[in-house]
Amino acid sequence: MTGEAAGEALRAGIADASRILAGLGILDAFGHVSVRSPGRADRFLMSRSLAPALVGPGDVIELDLDGNCVSDPAARPFLERFIHAELYRLRADVGAVVHSHSPDVLPFTVVPTARMRPICHICGFLAGTPAPFDVADHAGPGTDLLIRESATGAALARHLADKAVVPMRGHGFTAVGETIEQATFRAVYTARNCRIEREARMLGEPLFLTDEEAAACDATTNGQIGRAWALWRDQWGLPAAA
């Protein structure tokens, strides 16, 4: 695949992921998806500031790791593009990022005794998820909780370290993956894991996966992500992949 063709495929992937995540309720009018640019580790692709369900391939712009739009300087980018930029800067293994304000996840970001842990076999990637990142620890008590500039984006990336998901206090969460399909899968199942735990606690104290189980489950599930991606594309009537 040529560089141009790869770029077109990734732009289509961002549009597909945005619409899938909106359809599944992981994103609403807010939230965003990005992917590292093909052949350019120092750039990434992301929609202009637009509700995810409305994103098409033509809305995708290219940014550098300082958050500057290099493909269309007149485009209006998302305020929180620095989440994505700093994760790509710190983590060479990250190929895609999803940022969500899912109401299923938010309770786990504001209750100090709650920790996001894998509770079912599809969510092994949540093992070791850090405590919620708090903007106030880095930018003071009077912010709007958004990641508006590189310094707080870098602090978030360091807080995530080598894990797959980072909760964000009073805000939501960010999931990373090697591919856009994996990042999307992790975003969907992060929300589902939180929902399952909340419902399990109505019955009693739940059992969580051990670290060994989580690793084994994640290894198995990673080989099945294409099945979920194909289903979601069909559910939301997305055009057949070339």
Protein backbone atom coordinates (compact mmCIF):
# COMPACT_ATOMS: atom_id res chain seq x y z
CA MET A 1 0.00 0.00 0.00
CA THR A 2 1.41 3.40 -0.97
CA GLY A 3 1.76 6.19 1.57
CA GLU A 4 -1.19 8.01 0.03
CA ALA A 5 -3.37 4.91 0.06
CA ALA A 6 -2.38 4.18 3.67
CA GLY A 7 -3.32 7.71 4.65
CA GLU A 8 -6.71 7.38 2.95
CA ALA A 9 -7.34 4.08 4.72
CA LEU A 10 -6.49 5.60 8.09
CA ARG A 11 -8.72 8.61 7.47
CA ALA A 12 -11.56 6.22 6.68
CA GLY A 13 -10.68 4.28 9.83
CA ILE A 14 -10.98 7.39 11.99
CA ALA A 15 -14.39 8.13 10.47
CA ASP A 16 -15.51 4.53 11.02
CA ALA A 17 -14.25 4.41 14.62
CA SER A 18 -15.84 7.77 15.43
CA ARG A 19 -19.23 6.62 14.15
CA ILE A 20 -18.98 3.20 15.78
CA LEU A 21 -18.09 4.70 19.16
CA ALA A 22 -20.89 7.25 18.87
CA GLY A 23 -23.35 4.52 17.93
CA LEU A 24 -22.32 2.43 20.93
CA GLY A 25 -22.63 5.41 23.30
CA ILE A 26 -18.92 5.60 24.11
CA LEU A 27 -18.73 9.03 22.47
CA ASP A 28 -21.55 11.56 22.13
CA ALA A 29 -21.21 15.16 20.94
CA PHE A 30 -17.75 15.05 22.52
CA GLY A 31 -14.71 12.79 22.44
CA HIS A 32 -12.28 11.99 19.65
CA VAL A 33 -10.18 9.39 17.87
CA SER A 34 -6.71 9.65 16.35
CA VAL A 35 -4.12 7.51 14.63
CA ARG A 36 -0.40 8.00 14.08
CA SER A 37 0.44 9.18 10.55
CA PRO A 38 1.81 6.51 8.21
CA GLY A 39 5.55 6.88 7.86
CA ARG A 40 5.64 9.91 10.18
CA ALA A 41 6.09 9.06 13.86
CA ASP A 42 6.08 12.79 14.64
CA ARG A 43 2.57 13.41 13.25
CA PHE A 44 -0.94 12.09 13.73
CA LEU A 45 -4.32 12.15 12.04
CA MET A 46 -7.45 13.37 13.84
CA SER A 47 -10.79 14.88 12.88
CA ARG A 48 -11.31 18.60 12.99
CA SER A 49 -13.48 19.68 15.95
CA LEU A 50 -16.74 17.92 15.14
CA ALA A 51 -19.24 15.61 16.84
CA PRO A 52 -17.93 12.06 16.25
CA ALA A 53 -21.11 10.76 14.59
CA LEU A 54 -20.68 13.41 11.89
CA VAL A 55 -17.03 12.67 11.07
CA GLY A 56 -16.16 11.65 7.51
CA PRO A 57 -12.74 10.98 5.95
CA GLY A 58 -12.66 14.53 4.56
CA ASP A 59 -12.83 15.95 8.09
CA VAL A 60 -9.53 14.35 9.12
CA ILE A 61 -6.54 16.66 9.43
CA GLU A 62 -2.86 16.04 10.18
CA LEU A 63 -1.15 17.52 13.25
CA ASP A 64 2.38 17.57 14.60
CA LEU A 65 3.30 16.61 18.16
CA ASP A 66 3.06 20.24 19.28
CA GLY A 67 -0.61 20.23 18.30
CA ASN A 68 -0.19 22.35 15.18
CA CYS A 69 -2.30 21.51 12.14
CA VAL A 70 0.07 20.90 9.24
CA SER A 71 -2.43 19.87 6.56
CA ASP A 72 -5.01 22.66 6.82
CA PRO A 73 -4.03 25.65 8.99
CA ALA A 74 -7.56 27.04 8.68
CA ALA A 75 -9.13 23.94 10.26
CA ARG A 76 -10.39 24.14 13.83
CA PRO A 77 -8.75 21.30 15.84
CA PHE A 78 -10.00 19.77 19.07
CA LEU A 79 -8.92 21.60 22.23
CA GLU A 80 -7.65 18.34 23.72
CA ARG A 81 -5.44 17.30 20.82
CA PHE A 82 -2.56 17.47 23.30
CA ILE A 83 -3.75 14.21 24.91
CA HIS A 84 -3.02 12.49 21.62
CA ALA A 85 0.14 14.41 20.76
CA GLU A 86 1.88 13.66 24.05
CA LEU A 87 0.90 10.00 24.07
CA TYR A 88 2.43 9.60 20.61
CA ARG A 89 5.50 11.49 21.75
CA LEU A 90 6.07 9.29 24.81
CA ARG A 91 4.86 5.89 23.59
CA ALA A 92 6.40 4.56 20.38
CA ASP A 93 4.10 1.52 20.63
CA VAL A 94 0.91 3.61 20.47
CA GLY A 95 -0.65 3.75 17.02
CA ALA A 96 -4.13 5.03 17.94
CA VAL A 97 -5.90 6.88 20.76
CA VAL A 98 -9.54 7.23 21.85
CA HIS A 99 -10.71 9.83 24.37
CA SER A 100 -14.19 9.38 25.88
CA HIS A 101 -16.49 10.91 28.50
CA SER A 102 -18.49 7.69 28.95
CA PRO A 103 -20.98 7.95 31.86
CA ASP A 104 -20.32 4.27 32.61
CA VAL A 105 -16.69 5.10 33.38
CA LEU A 106 -17.06 8.50 35.07
CA PRO A 107 -18.14 7.13 38.49
CA PHE A 108 -14.86 5.21 38.66
CA THR A 109 -12.94 8.48 38.24
CA VAL A 110 -14.53 10.33 41.18
CA VAL A 111 -14.83 7.75 43.97
CA PRO A 112 -11.43 7.49 45.68
CA THR A 113 -11.96 3.87 46.76
CA ALA A 114 -12.90 2.69 43.26
CA ARG A 115 -10.23 1.23 41.01
CA MET A 116 -10.71 0.10 37.45
CA ARG A 117 -9.82 -3.62 37.35
CA PRO A 118 -10.59 -6.36 34.82
CA ILE A 119 -13.67 -8.28 35.87
CA CYS A 120 -14.40 -10.31 32.73
CA HIS A 121 -12.32 -12.27 30.25
CA ILE A 122 -12.62 -9.71 27.44
CA CYS A 123 -11.10 -6.94 29.55
CA GLY A 124 -7.70 -8.30 30.51
CA PHE A 125 -6.10 -5.17 29.06
CA LEU A 126 -7.31 -3.25 32.12
CA ALA A 127 -4.82 -4.97 34.44
CA GLY A 128 -2.68 -2.38 36.18
CA THR A 129 -4.84 0.57 35.16
CA PRO A 130 -3.60 3.56 37.18
CA ALA A 131 -5.65 5.65 39.58
CA PRO A 132 -7.45 8.54 37.90
CA PHE A 133 -5.29 11.32 36.51
CA ASP A 134 -6.16 14.64 38.15
CA VAL A 135 -5.47 17.85 36.21
CA ALA A 136 -5.57 19.77 39.50
CA ASP A 137 -2.35 18.07 40.58
CA HIS A 138 -0.56 19.69 37.64
CA ALA A 139 -2.48 22.85 36.73
CA GLY A 140 -4.10 23.96 39.98
CA PRO A 141 -7.65 23.89 41.37
CA GLY A 142 -9.32 26.32 38.95
CA THR A 143 -9.15 24.58 35.56
CA ASP A 144 -11.96 23.26 33.36
CA LEU A 145 -10.37 19.77 33.67
CA LEU A 146 -9.45 19.75 29.98
CA ILE A 147 -6.00 18.92 28.60
CA ARG A 148 -5.43 22.17 26.72
CA GLU A 149 -1.67 22.28 26.35
CA SER A 150 1.42 20.12 26.06
CA ALA A 151 2.51 20.16 29.71
CA THR A 152 -0.66 18.57 31.08
CA GLY A 153 -0.80 16.23 28.10
CA ALA A 154 2.73 15.07 28.92
CA ALA A 155 1.76 14.60 32.58
CA LEU A 156 -1.18 12.45 31.50
CA ALA A 157 1.05 10.36 29.24
CA ARG A 158 3.52 9.78 32.09
CA HIS A 159 0.64 8.83 34.40
CA LEU A 160 -0.58 6.22 31.91
CA ALA A 161 2.98 4.86 31.64
CA ASP A 162 2.89 1.54 29.77
CA LYS A 163 -0.78 0.70 30.44
CA ALA A 164 -3.73 0.64 28.02
CA VAL A 165 -6.25 2.94 29.72
CA VAL A 166 -6.04 6.00 31.93
CA PRO A 167 -9.10 7.24 33.88
CA MET A 168 -9.36 11.03 34.25
CA ARG A 169 -10.95 12.52 37.37
CA GLY A 170 -14.36 14.05 36.66
CA HIS A 171 -13.67 13.88 32.95
CA GLY A 172 -13.61 10.40 31.39
CA PHE A 173 -10.83 8.18 30.12
CA THR A 174 -8.32 7.69 27.35
CA ALA A 175 -7.50 4.33 25.73
CA VAL A 176 -4.54 3.54 23.51
CA GLY A 177 -3.78 0.72 21.10
CA GLU A 178 -1.38 -0.37 18.42
CA THR A 179 -4.15 0.05 15.84
CA ILE A 180 -7.36 2.01 15.55
CA GLU A 181 -9.31 -1.24 15.84
CA GLN A 182 -7.58 -2.15 19.11
CA ALA A 183 -8.00 1.32 20.62
CA THR A 184 -11.69 1.29 19.67
CA PHE A 185 -12.15 -2.19 21.15
CA ARG A 186 -10.49 -1.13 24.38
CA ALA A 187 -12.65 1.97 24.65
CA VAL A 188 -15.83 -0.05 24.20
CA TYR A 189 -14.88 -2.74 26.68
CA THR A 190 -13.56 -0.31 29.27
CA ALA A 191 -17.08 1.07 29.54
CA ARG A 192 -18.60 -2.43 29.59
CA ASN A 193 -16.21 -3.60 32.32
CA CYS A 194 -17.26 -0.65 34.48
CA ARG A 195 -20.93 -1.42 33.90
CA ILE A 196 -20.43 -5.09 34.79
CA GLU A 197 -18.60 -4.21 38.01
CA ARG A 198 -21.26 -1.73 39.07
CA GLU A 199 -23.99 -4.34 38.54
CA ALA A 200 -21.98 -7.10 40.23
CA ARG A 201 -21.59 -4.95 43.34
CA MET A 202 -25.38 -4.95 43.74
CA LEU A 203 -25.02 -8.68 44.49
CA GLY A 204 -21.89 -8.55 46.62
CA GLU A 205 -18.12 -8.18 46.46
CA PRO A 206 -17.00 -9.25 42.97
CA LEU A 207 -14.05 -11.43 42.03
CA PHE A 208 -11.59 -9.83 39.62
CA LEU A 209 -9.18 -11.44 37.17
CA THR A 210 -5.75 -12.23 38.54
CA ASP A 211 -2.80 -10.66 36.75
CA GLU A 212 -2.03 -14.04 35.17
CA GLU A 213 -5.61 -14.47 33.99
CA ALA A 214 -5.69 -10.93 32.63
CA ALA A 215 -2.55 -11.50 30.58
CA ALA A 216 -3.86 -14.78 29.17
CA CYS A 217 -7.27 -13.31 28.41
CA ASP A 218 -5.76 -10.28 26.70
CA ALA A 219 -3.55 -12.46 24.52
CA THR A 220 -6.57 -14.46 23.37
CA THR A 221 -8.87 -11.48 22.88
CA ASN A 222 -6.34 -9.55 20.81
CA GLY A 223 -6.72 -12.21 18.15
CA GLN A 224 -10.49 -11.65 18.00
CA ILE A 225 -10.70 -7.86 17.62
CA GLY A 226 -11.39 -8.14 13.89
CA ARG A 227 -14.62 -10.01 14.65
CA ALA A 228 -15.92 -7.15 16.79
CA TRP A 229 -14.77 -4.52 14.27
CA ALA A 230 -16.58 -6.30 11.41
CA LEU A 231 -19.77 -6.54 13.48
CA TRP A 232 -19.71 -2.88 14.46
CA ARG A 233 -19.10 -1.76 10.87
CA ASP A 234 -22.08 -3.81 9.76
CA GLN A 235 -24.29 -2.59 12.61
CA TRP A 236 -23.73 1.04 11.72
CA GLY A 237 -24.04 0.58 7.97
CA LEU A 238 -20.49 1.61 7.15
CA PRO A 239 -19.30 1.08 3.58
CA ALA A 240 -17.40 -2.10 2.86
CA ALA A 241 -13.64 -1.79 3.31
CA ALA A 242 -11.66 -1.68 0.07
